[in-house]
Amino acid sequence: MVQGDLSSLGRLMMQGDLEVWSDRKKDRLPRHVFLYERCFLLCKKKRDEANDGHVYSYKLSIQVGYMHR
């Protein structure tokens, strides 16, 4: 799990919203993905009313080989 400083993951290559199928809930779950040079992070996106933005709750990370754009 990654907390705080994400610089060790390399450069952010891509990010966006997607839906993930859950066998447990038999439903699609909205998630936000961050693709870094060294890691794929899957997060739950939550509205942050206090700061008029979003916060992301970590769900899964997958290490990937070094990516080039």
N, C-alpha and C. Protein backbone atom coordinates (compact mmCIF):
# COMPACT_ATOMS: atom_id res chain seq x y z
N MET A 1 0.83 -1.18 0.00
CA MET A 1 0.00 0.00 0.00
C MET A 1 0.87 1.24 0.00
N VAL A 2 0.47 2.24 -0.74
CA VAL A 2 1.21 3.48 -0.86
C VAL A 2 0.52 4.57 -0.06
N GLN A 3 1.30 5.27 0.76
CA GLN A 3 0.74 6.36 1.54
C GLN A 3 1.63 7.58 1.41
N GLY A 4 1.03 8.76 1.39
CA GLY A 4 1.80 9.98 1.39
C GLY A 4 2.48 10.27 0.07
N ASP A 5 3.82 10.23 0.07
CA ASP A 5 4.64 10.60 -1.08
C ASP A 5 4.55 9.55 -2.18
N LEU A 6 4.05 9.93 -3.33
CA LEU A 6 3.90 9.00 -4.45
C LEU A 6 5.04 9.12 -5.46
N SER A 7 6.05 9.93 -5.16
CA SER A 7 7.13 10.17 -6.12
C SER A 7 7.91 8.90 -6.46
N SER A 8 7.93 7.92 -5.57
CA SER A 8 8.65 6.67 -5.84
C SER A 8 7.97 5.84 -6.93
N LEU A 9 6.73 6.19 -7.30
CA LEU A 9 6.00 5.46 -8.34
C LEU A 9 6.35 5.94 -9.74
N GLY A 10 7.11 7.03 -9.82
CA GLY A 10 7.46 7.59 -11.12
C GLY A 10 6.45 8.62 -11.56
N ARG A 11 6.54 8.96 -12.82
CA ARG A 11 5.67 9.99 -13.40
C ARG A 11 4.25 9.46 -13.60
N LEU A 12 3.26 10.32 -13.35
CA LEU A 12 1.86 9.96 -13.61
C LEU A 12 1.66 9.96 -15.12
N MET A 13 1.27 8.80 -15.66
CA MET A 13 1.13 8.64 -17.11
C MET A 13 -0.30 8.92 -17.57
N MET A 14 -1.28 8.49 -16.75
CA MET A 14 -2.68 8.59 -17.15
C MET A 14 -3.56 8.43 -15.91
N GLN A 15 -4.76 9.00 -15.96
CA GLN A 15 -5.73 8.78 -14.90
C GLN A 15 -7.14 8.93 -15.46
N GLY A 16 -8.10 8.31 -14.78
CA GLY A 16 -9.48 8.45 -15.24
C GLY A 16 -10.43 7.56 -14.46
N ASP A 17 -11.72 7.76 -14.70
CA ASP A 17 -12.76 6.98 -14.04
C ASP A 17 -13.04 5.70 -14.82
N LEU A 18 -13.41 4.65 -14.11
CA LEU A 18 -13.81 3.40 -14.74
C LEU A 18 -14.75 2.65 -13.82
N GLU A 19 -15.36 1.59 -14.32
CA GLU A 19 -16.24 0.74 -13.51
C GLU A 19 -15.61 -0.63 -13.39
N VAL A 20 -15.65 -1.18 -12.18
CA VAL A 20 -15.08 -2.48 -11.88
C VAL A 20 -16.21 -3.42 -11.47
N TRP A 21 -16.21 -4.63 -12.02
CA TRP A 21 -17.23 -5.62 -11.68
C TRP A 21 -16.85 -6.29 -10.37
N SER A 22 -17.81 -6.41 -9.46
CA SER A 22 -17.61 -7.09 -8.18
C SER A 22 -18.42 -8.37 -8.14
N ASP A 23 -17.75 -9.51 -7.99
CA ASP A 23 -18.46 -10.79 -7.85
C ASP A 23 -19.24 -10.84 -6.54
N ARG A 24 -18.66 -10.23 -5.51
CA ARG A 24 -19.31 -10.24 -4.20
C ARG A 24 -20.63 -9.48 -4.21
N LYS A 25 -20.61 -8.30 -4.81
CA LYS A 25 -21.81 -7.46 -4.80
C LYS A 25 -22.65 -7.63 -6.06
N LYS A 26 -22.14 -8.39 -7.02
CA LYS A 26 -22.83 -8.61 -8.29
C LYS A 26 -23.25 -7.28 -8.94
N ASP A 27 -22.32 -6.35 -8.92
CA ASP A 27 -22.61 -5.02 -9.44
C ASP A 27 -21.32 -4.37 -9.93
N ARG A 28 -21.47 -3.30 -10.68
CA ARG A 28 -20.32 -2.51 -11.12
C ARG A 28 -20.06 -1.41 -10.09
N LEU A 29 -18.78 -1.22 -9.77
CA LEU A 29 -18.39 -0.22 -8.79
C LEU A 29 -17.59 0.88 -9.47
N PRO A 30 -17.95 2.14 -9.24
CA PRO A 30 -17.16 3.23 -9.83
C PRO A 30 -15.81 3.36 -9.12
N ARG A 31 -14.75 3.47 -9.88
CA ARG A 31 -13.40 3.62 -9.33
C ARG A 31 -12.64 4.65 -10.15
N HIS A 32 -11.55 5.13 -9.59
CA HIS A 32 -10.65 6.04 -10.30
C HIS A 32 -9.29 5.36 -10.37
N VAL A 33 -8.68 5.36 -11.54
CA VAL A 33 -7.40 4.70 -11.74
C VAL A 33 -6.31 5.74 -11.98
N PHE A 34 -5.16 5.50 -11.36
CA PHE A 34 -3.97 6.31 -11.59
C PHE A 34 -2.90 5.36 -12.13
N LEU A 35 -2.37 5.66 -13.31
CA LEU A 35 -1.34 4.84 -13.89
C LEU A 35 -0.02 5.60 -13.84
N TYR A 36 0.87 5.13 -12.98
CA TYR A 36 2.21 5.70 -12.86
C TYR A 36 3.19 4.83 -13.63
N GLU A 37 4.41 5.30 -13.78
CA GLU A 37 5.43 4.54 -14.50
C GLU A 37 5.70 3.17 -13.87
N ARG A 38 5.56 3.07 -12.56
CA ARG A 38 5.90 1.82 -11.87
C ARG A 38 4.73 1.14 -11.16
N CYS A 39 3.54 1.77 -11.19
CA CYS A 39 2.44 1.21 -10.41
C CYS A 39 1.09 1.64 -10.97
N PHE A 40 0.11 0.77 -10.82
CA PHE A 40 -1.28 1.01 -11.18
C PHE A 40 -2.05 1.11 -9.88
N LEU A 41 -2.68 2.25 -9.60
CA LEU A 41 -3.46 2.43 -8.36
C LEU A 41 -4.94 2.50 -8.68
N LEU A 42 -5.73 1.74 -7.95
CA LEU A 42 -7.17 1.76 -8.09
C LEU A 42 -7.74 2.34 -6.79
N CYS A 43 -8.55 3.39 -6.91
CA CYS A 43 -9.07 4.10 -5.74
C CYS A 43 -10.56 4.32 -5.85
N LYS A 44 -11.17 4.53 -4.70
CA LYS A 44 -12.57 4.94 -4.65
C LYS A 44 -12.57 6.46 -4.55
N LYS A 45 -13.31 7.10 -5.44
CA LYS A 45 -13.37 8.56 -5.49
C LYS A 45 -14.53 9.03 -4.62
N LYS A 46 -14.23 9.94 -3.71
CA LYS A 46 -15.27 10.48 -2.82
C LYS A 46 -15.28 12.00 -2.93
N ARG A 47 -16.46 12.56 -2.84
CA ARG A 47 -16.62 14.02 -2.87
C ARG A 47 -16.15 14.59 -1.54
N ASP A 48 -15.34 15.65 -1.60
CA ASP A 48 -14.85 16.35 -0.42
C ASP A 48 -15.55 17.70 -0.35
N GLU A 49 -16.65 17.74 0.39
CA GLU A 49 -17.46 18.96 0.47
C GLU A 49 -16.70 20.12 1.11
N ALA A 50 -15.85 19.83 2.08
CA ALA A 50 -15.13 20.88 2.80
C ALA A 50 -14.19 21.66 1.87
N ASN A 51 -13.58 20.98 0.92
CA ASN A 51 -12.62 21.64 0.02
C ASN A 51 -13.14 21.76 -1.41
N ASP A 52 -14.41 21.45 -1.62
CA ASP A 52 -15.03 21.53 -2.94
C ASP A 52 -14.22 20.78 -3.99
N GLY A 53 -13.88 19.53 -3.68
CA GLY A 53 -13.11 18.70 -4.60
C GLY A 53 -13.36 17.23 -4.34
N HIS A 54 -12.32 16.42 -4.52
CA HIS A 54 -12.41 14.98 -4.30
C HIS A 54 -11.25 14.47 -3.46
N VAL A 55 -11.48 13.38 -2.77
CA VAL A 55 -10.43 12.63 -2.09
C VAL A 55 -10.50 11.20 -2.63
N TYR A 56 -9.38 10.49 -2.55
CA TYR A 56 -9.31 9.16 -3.11
C TYR A 56 -8.93 8.16 -2.04
N SER A 57 -9.72 7.12 -1.91
CA SER A 57 -9.49 6.07 -0.92
C SER A 57 -8.85 4.87 -1.63
N TYR A 58 -7.67 4.49 -1.18
CA TYR A 58 -6.91 3.39 -1.78
C TYR A 58 -7.68 2.07 -1.72
N LYS A 59 -7.69 1.34 -2.83
CA LYS A 59 -8.33 0.02 -2.88
C LYS A 59 -7.35 -1.06 -3.32
N LEU A 60 -6.49 -0.79 -4.32
CA LEU A 60 -5.62 -1.81 -4.88
C LEU A 60 -4.44 -1.17 -5.60
N SER A 61 -3.29 -1.83 -5.53
CA SER A 61 -2.15 -1.39 -6.34
C SER A 61 -1.52 -2.60 -7.00
N ILE A 62 -1.03 -2.40 -8.20
CA ILE A 62 -0.36 -3.45 -8.95
C ILE A 62 0.92 -2.86 -9.50
N GLN A 63 2.05 -3.48 -9.15
CA GLN A 63 3.33 -3.01 -9.69
C GLN A 63 3.41 -3.38 -11.15
N VAL A 64 3.92 -2.47 -11.95
CA VAL A 64 4.10 -2.73 -13.38
C VAL A 64 5.56 -2.44 -13.73
N GLY A 65 6.00 -2.99 -14.86
CA GLY A 65 7.34 -2.67 -15.34
C GLY A 65 7.42 -1.20 -15.69
N TYR A 66 8.62 -0.68 -15.77
CA TYR A 66 8.82 0.72 -16.10
C TYR A 66 8.19 1.04 -17.45
N MET A 67 7.32 2.05 -17.51
CA MET A 67 6.61 2.40 -18.73
C MET A 67 7.21 3.64 -19.38
N HIS A 68 7.19 3.65 -20.68
CA HIS A 68 7.63 4.81 -21.45
C HIS A 68 6.44 5.33 -22.23
N ARG A 69 6.39 6.61 -22.37
CA ARG A 69 5.29 7.21 -23.14
C ARG A 69 5.79 7.52 -24.53
